[in-house]
Amino acid sequence: MSSVDAIWHPSVQAGDIEGVCQGGMPGNLEIRLDELGPDFLRGSMPVTEKTHQPYGLLHGGASCVLAETLGSIAAALVVDQERRLVLGQEINANHLRGVRDGRVHGVATPEHIGSRSQVWSIRIHDDQERPVCVSRLTVAVVEKR
């Protein structure tokens, strides 16, 4: 991937996403980053008892964790991380379909990349490509102190 053809900060390389989700909540939910494209970030999460709600379906909060993880990482890859941070401000999600097992796959794409804020759309689907959740994440871009 050439940074000239992409939205990512010039210092970002495709290999930079490896291992990013190993710790914290993304690690606990076994979220993985699968592909960094020219204008999208793709990732996935298993649907297991770790991510189920009481009825045995994917918990809406788990979908939000996947969406926020993908959107936040994508937002961070757009800025100069030596000088700036991205901080989540708002997330919304429309849950469209229940999932009991397999994996859910999310794709984060930008709606707006500004100098002070970014808005990302994250579409999540199941293994059969059926829509599961549509989410939007807004982040603030702030100078590091």
C-alpha atoms as a PDB file:
ATOM      1  CA  MET A   1       0.000   0.000   0.000  1.00  0.00           C
ATOM      2  CA  SER A   2       1.415   3.361  -0.968  1.00  0.00           C
ATOM      3  CA  SER A   3       0.549   6.255   1.338  1.00  0.00           C
ATOM      4  CA  VAL A   4       0.136   8.451  -1.761  1.00  0.00           C
ATOM      5  CA  ASP A   5      -2.921   6.394  -2.734  1.00  0.00           C
ATOM      6  CA  ALA A   6      -4.404   6.297   0.747  1.00  0.00           C
ATOM      7  CA  ILE A   7      -5.977   8.449   3.449  1.00  0.00           C
ATOM      8  CA  TRP A   8      -3.517   7.236   6.097  1.00  0.00           C
ATOM      9  CA  HIS A   9      -0.711   9.325   7.574  1.00  0.00           C
ATOM     10  CA  PRO A  10       2.402   8.957   5.363  1.00  0.00           C
ATOM     11  CA  SER A  11       4.268   7.056   8.101  1.00  0.00           C
ATOM     12  CA  VAL A  12       1.619   4.275   8.261  1.00  0.00           C
ATOM     13  CA  GLN A  13       2.366   0.914   6.667  1.00  0.00           C
ATOM     14  CA  ALA A  14      -0.015  -2.050   6.286  1.00  0.00           C
ATOM     15  CA  GLY A  15       1.976  -4.040   8.880  1.00  0.00           C
ATOM     16  CA  ASP A  16       1.339  -1.366  11.520  1.00  0.00           C
ATOM     17  CA  ILE A  17      -2.010  -2.938  12.431  1.00  0.00           C
ATOM     18  CA  GLU A  18      -0.488  -6.267  13.527  1.00  0.00           C
ATOM     19  CA  GLY A  19      -0.827  -6.885  17.240  1.00  0.00           C
ATOM     20  CA  VAL A  20      -2.745  -3.660  17.947  1.00  0.00           C
ATOM     21  CA  CYS A  21      -5.711  -5.533  19.475  1.00  0.00           C
ATOM     22  CA  GLN A  22      -3.793  -7.848  21.809  1.00  0.00           C
ATOM     23  CA  GLY A  23      -4.496  -6.015  25.067  1.00  0.00           C
ATOM     24  CA  GLY A  24      -7.475  -4.501  26.862  1.00  0.00           C
ATOM     25  CA  MET A  25     -11.053  -5.089  25.798  1.00  0.00           C
ATOM     26  CA  PRO A  26     -10.223  -5.786  22.124  1.00  0.00           C
ATOM     27  CA  GLY A  27      -7.865  -8.546  23.254  1.00  0.00           C
ATOM     28  CA  ASN A  28     -10.383  -9.957  25.723  1.00  0.00           C
ATOM     29  CA  LEU A  29     -12.991 -10.166  22.958  1.00  0.00           C
ATOM     30  CA  GLU A  30     -10.426 -11.576  20.486  1.00  0.00           C
ATOM     31  CA  ILE A  31     -10.900  -8.757  17.996  1.00  0.00           C
ATOM     32  CA  ARG A  32      -8.438  -8.893  15.138  1.00  0.00           C
ATOM     33  CA  LEU A  33      -7.560  -6.439  12.416  1.00  0.00           C
ATOM     34  CA  ASP A  34      -7.744  -8.143   9.052  1.00  0.00           C
ATOM     35  CA  GLU A  35      -7.005  -5.553   6.361  1.00  0.00           C
ATOM     36  CA  LEU A  36      -5.881  -1.975   5.964  1.00  0.00           C
ATOM     37  CA  GLY A  37      -7.113  -0.798   2.569  1.00  0.00           C
ATOM     38  CA  PRO A  38      -6.569   2.569   0.889  1.00  0.00           C
ATOM     39  CA  ASP A  39      -9.604   4.099   2.653  1.00  0.00           C
ATOM     40  CA  PHE A  40     -10.905   1.449   5.055  1.00  0.00           C
ATOM     41  CA  LEU A  41      -9.962  -0.738   8.006  1.00  0.00           C
ATOM     42  CA  ARG A  42     -11.464  -4.220   8.235  1.00  0.00           C
ATOM     43  CA  GLY A  43     -11.575  -6.342  11.374  1.00  0.00           C
ATOM     44  CA  SER A  44     -13.541  -9.162  12.962  1.00  0.00           C
ATOM     45  CA  MET A  45     -14.616 -10.714  16.247  1.00  0.00           C
ATOM     46  CA  PRO A  46     -15.804 -14.215  17.178  1.00  0.00           C
ATOM     47  CA  VAL A  47     -19.352 -14.629  18.427  1.00  0.00           C
ATOM     48  CA  THR A  48     -19.056 -16.863  21.498  1.00  0.00           C
ATOM     49  CA  GLU A  49     -20.342 -17.004  25.060  1.00  0.00           C
ATOM     50  CA  LYS A  50     -17.924 -14.103  25.769  1.00  0.00           C
ATOM     51  CA  THR A  51     -19.934 -11.833  23.477  1.00  0.00           C
ATOM     52  CA  HIS A  52     -23.457 -13.228  24.030  1.00  0.00           C
ATOM     53  CA  GLN A  53     -26.326 -11.559  25.842  1.00  0.00           C
ATOM     54  CA  PRO A  54     -28.662 -13.734  27.980  1.00  0.00           C
ATOM     55  CA  TYR A  55     -30.634 -15.021  24.943  1.00  0.00           C
ATOM     56  CA  GLY A  56     -27.510 -16.469  23.336  1.00  0.00           C
ATOM     57  CA  LEU A  57     -27.222 -13.738  20.703  1.00  0.00           C
ATOM     58  CA  LEU A  58     -24.418 -11.272  20.036  1.00  0.00           C
ATOM     59  CA  HIS A  59     -24.615  -8.533  22.668  1.00  0.00           C
ATOM     60  CA  GLY A  60     -25.177  -5.061  21.207  1.00  0.00           C
ATOM     61  CA  GLY A  61     -22.414  -3.739  23.438  1.00  0.00           C
ATOM     62  CA  ALA A  62     -19.963  -6.194  21.869  1.00  0.00           C
ATOM     63  CA  SER A  63     -20.913  -4.851  18.431  1.00  0.00           C
ATOM     64  CA  CYS A  64     -20.211  -1.350  19.759  1.00  0.00           C
ATOM     65  CA  VAL A  65     -16.813  -2.476  21.058  1.00  0.00           C
ATOM     66  CA  LEU A  66     -15.930  -3.836  17.608  1.00  0.00           C
ATOM     67  CA  ALA A  67     -17.175  -0.652  15.940  1.00  0.00           C
ATOM     68  CA  GLU A  68     -15.345   1.687  18.317  1.00  0.00           C
ATOM     69  CA  THR A  69     -12.160  -0.358  18.087  1.00  0.00           C
ATOM     70  CA  LEU A  70     -12.126  -0.231  14.286  1.00  0.00           C
ATOM     71  CA  GLY A  71     -13.146   3.431  14.076  1.00  0.00           C
ATOM     72  CA  SER A  72     -10.695   4.583  16.740  1.00  0.00           C
ATOM     73  CA  ILE A  73      -7.740   2.722  15.287  1.00  0.00           C
ATOM     74  CA  ALA A  74      -8.564   3.990  11.794  1.00  0.00           C
ATOM     75  CA  ALA A  75      -8.850   7.551  13.136  1.00  0.00           C
ATOM     76  CA  ALA A  76      -5.465   7.255  14.837  1.00  0.00           C
ATOM     77  CA  LEU A  77      -3.845   6.033  11.608  1.00  0.00           C
ATOM     78  CA  VAL A  78      -4.886   9.228   9.817  1.00  0.00           C
ATOM     79  CA  VAL A  79      -3.114  11.630  12.184  1.00  0.00           C
ATOM     80  CA  ASP A  80       0.527  12.223  13.101  1.00  0.00           C
ATOM     81  CA  GLN A  81       0.607  10.125  16.281  1.00  0.00           C
ATOM     82  CA  GLU A  82       3.778  11.868  17.449  1.00  0.00           C
ATOM     83  CA  ARG A  83       1.754  15.104  17.812  1.00  0.00           C
ATOM     84  CA  ARG A  84      -1.927  14.167  18.044  1.00  0.00           C
ATOM     85  CA  LEU A  85      -4.356  11.851  19.815  1.00  0.00           C
ATOM     86  CA  VAL A  86      -7.863  10.835  18.824  1.00  0.00           C
ATOM     87  CA  LEU A  87     -10.467  10.522  21.570  1.00  0.00           C
ATOM     88  CA  GLY A  88     -13.920   9.022  21.171  1.00  0.00           C
ATOM     89  CA  GLN A  89     -16.754  11.508  21.667  1.00  0.00           C
ATOM     90  CA  GLU A  90     -19.879   9.716  20.530  1.00  0.00           C
ATOM     91  CA  ILE A  91     -20.912   6.351  19.129  1.00  0.00           C
ATOM     92  CA  ASN A  92     -24.293   5.176  17.958  1.00  0.00           C
ATOM     93  CA  ALA A  93     -25.380   1.812  16.682  1.00  0.00           C
ATOM     94  CA  ASN A  94     -28.388   0.315  14.979  1.00  0.00           C
ATOM     95  CA  HIS A  95     -28.602  -3.427  15.624  1.00  0.00           C
ATOM     96  CA  LEU A  96     -30.157  -5.117  12.604  1.00  0.00           C
ATOM     97  CA  ARG A  97     -29.779  -8.882  12.995  1.00  0.00           C
ATOM     98  CA  GLY A  98     -29.055 -11.386  15.750  1.00  0.00           C
ATOM     99  CA  VAL A  99     -26.008 -13.641  15.492  1.00  0.00           C
ATOM    100  CA  ARG A 100     -25.432 -16.782  17.592  1.00  0.00           C
ATOM    101  CA  ASP A 101     -22.041 -18.013  16.401  1.00  0.00           C
ATOM    102  CA  GLY A 102     -19.297 -17.628  13.797  1.00  0.00           C
ATOM    103  CA  ARG A 103     -17.586 -14.277  13.340  1.00  0.00           C
ATOM    104  CA  VAL A 104     -18.819 -10.779  12.736  1.00  0.00           C
ATOM    105  CA  HIS A 105     -16.816  -8.599  10.360  1.00  0.00           C
ATOM    106  CA  GLY A 106     -16.640  -4.824  10.453  1.00  0.00           C
ATOM    107  CA  VAL A 107     -15.440  -2.232   7.954  1.00  0.00           C
ATOM    108  CA  ALA A 108     -14.641   1.319   9.062  1.00  0.00           C
ATOM    109  CA  THR A 109     -14.728   4.063   6.420  1.00  0.00           C
ATOM    110  CA  PRO A 110     -14.435   7.820   6.900  1.00  0.00           C
ATOM    111  CA  GLU A 111     -17.342  10.206   6.541  1.00  0.00           C
ATOM    112  CA  HIS A 112     -15.297  13.245   7.601  1.00  0.00           C
ATOM    113  CA  ILE A 113     -11.595  13.707   8.327  1.00  0.00           C
ATOM    114  CA  GLY A 114     -10.994  17.151   9.750  1.00  0.00           C
ATOM    115  CA  SER A 115      -8.188  18.751  11.692  1.00  0.00           C
ATOM    116  CA  ARG A 116     -10.211  18.724  14.948  1.00  0.00           C
ATOM    117  CA  SER A 117     -12.732  15.924  14.473  1.00  0.00           C
ATOM    118  CA  GLN A 118     -13.379  12.804  12.445  1.00  0.00           C
ATOM    119  CA  VAL A 119     -16.553  10.812  11.769  1.00  0.00           C
ATOM    120  CA  TRP A 120     -16.338   7.130  10.835  1.00  0.00           C
ATOM    121  CA  SER A 121     -19.038   4.735   9.610  1.00  0.00           C
ATOM    122  CA  ILE A 122     -18.647   1.133  10.674  1.00  0.00           C
ATOM    123  CA  ARG A 123     -20.751  -1.563   9.022  1.00  0.00           C
ATOM    124  CA  ILE A 124     -20.779  -4.985  10.666  1.00  0.00           C
ATOM    125  CA  HIS A 125     -21.973  -8.139   8.914  1.00  0.00           C
ATOM    126  CA  ASP A 126     -22.043 -11.869   9.662  1.00  0.00           C
ATOM    127  CA  ASP A 127     -20.218 -14.701   7.892  1.00  0.00           C
ATOM    128  CA  GLN A 128     -22.980 -14.791   5.252  1.00  0.00           C
ATOM    129  CA  GLU A 129     -22.512 -11.056   4.498  1.00  0.00           C
ATOM    130  CA  ARG A 130     -25.863 -10.182   6.098  1.00  0.00           C
ATOM    131  CA  PRO A 131     -25.944  -6.800   7.889  1.00  0.00           C
ATOM    132  CA  VAL A 132     -25.749  -7.055  11.683  1.00  0.00           C
ATOM    133  CA  CYS A 133     -25.049  -3.499  12.868  1.00  0.00           C
ATOM    134  CA  VAL A 134     -24.517  -0.038  11.412  1.00  0.00           C
ATOM    135  CA  SER A 135     -22.573   2.345  13.616  1.00  0.00           C
ATOM    136  CA  ARG A 136     -21.147   5.848  13.497  1.00  0.00           C
ATOM    137  CA  LEU A 137     -18.225   7.038  15.636  1.00  0.00           C
ATOM    138  CA  THR A 138     -17.168  10.654  16.203  1.00  0.00           C
ATOM    139  CA  VAL A 139     -13.683  11.344  17.557  1.00  0.00           C
ATOM    140  CA  ALA A 140     -11.943  14.518  18.638  1.00  0.00           C
ATOM    141  CA  VAL A 141      -8.425  15.171  17.327  1.00  0.00           C
ATOM    142  CA  VAL A 142      -6.325  16.866  20.029  1.00  0.00           C
ATOM    143  CA  GLU A 143      -2.701  17.925  20.392  1.00  0.00           C
ATOM    144  CA  LYS A 144      -0.574  15.790  22.702  1.00  0.00           C
ATOM    145  CA  ARG A 145       0.577  17.616  25.813  1.00  0.00           C
END
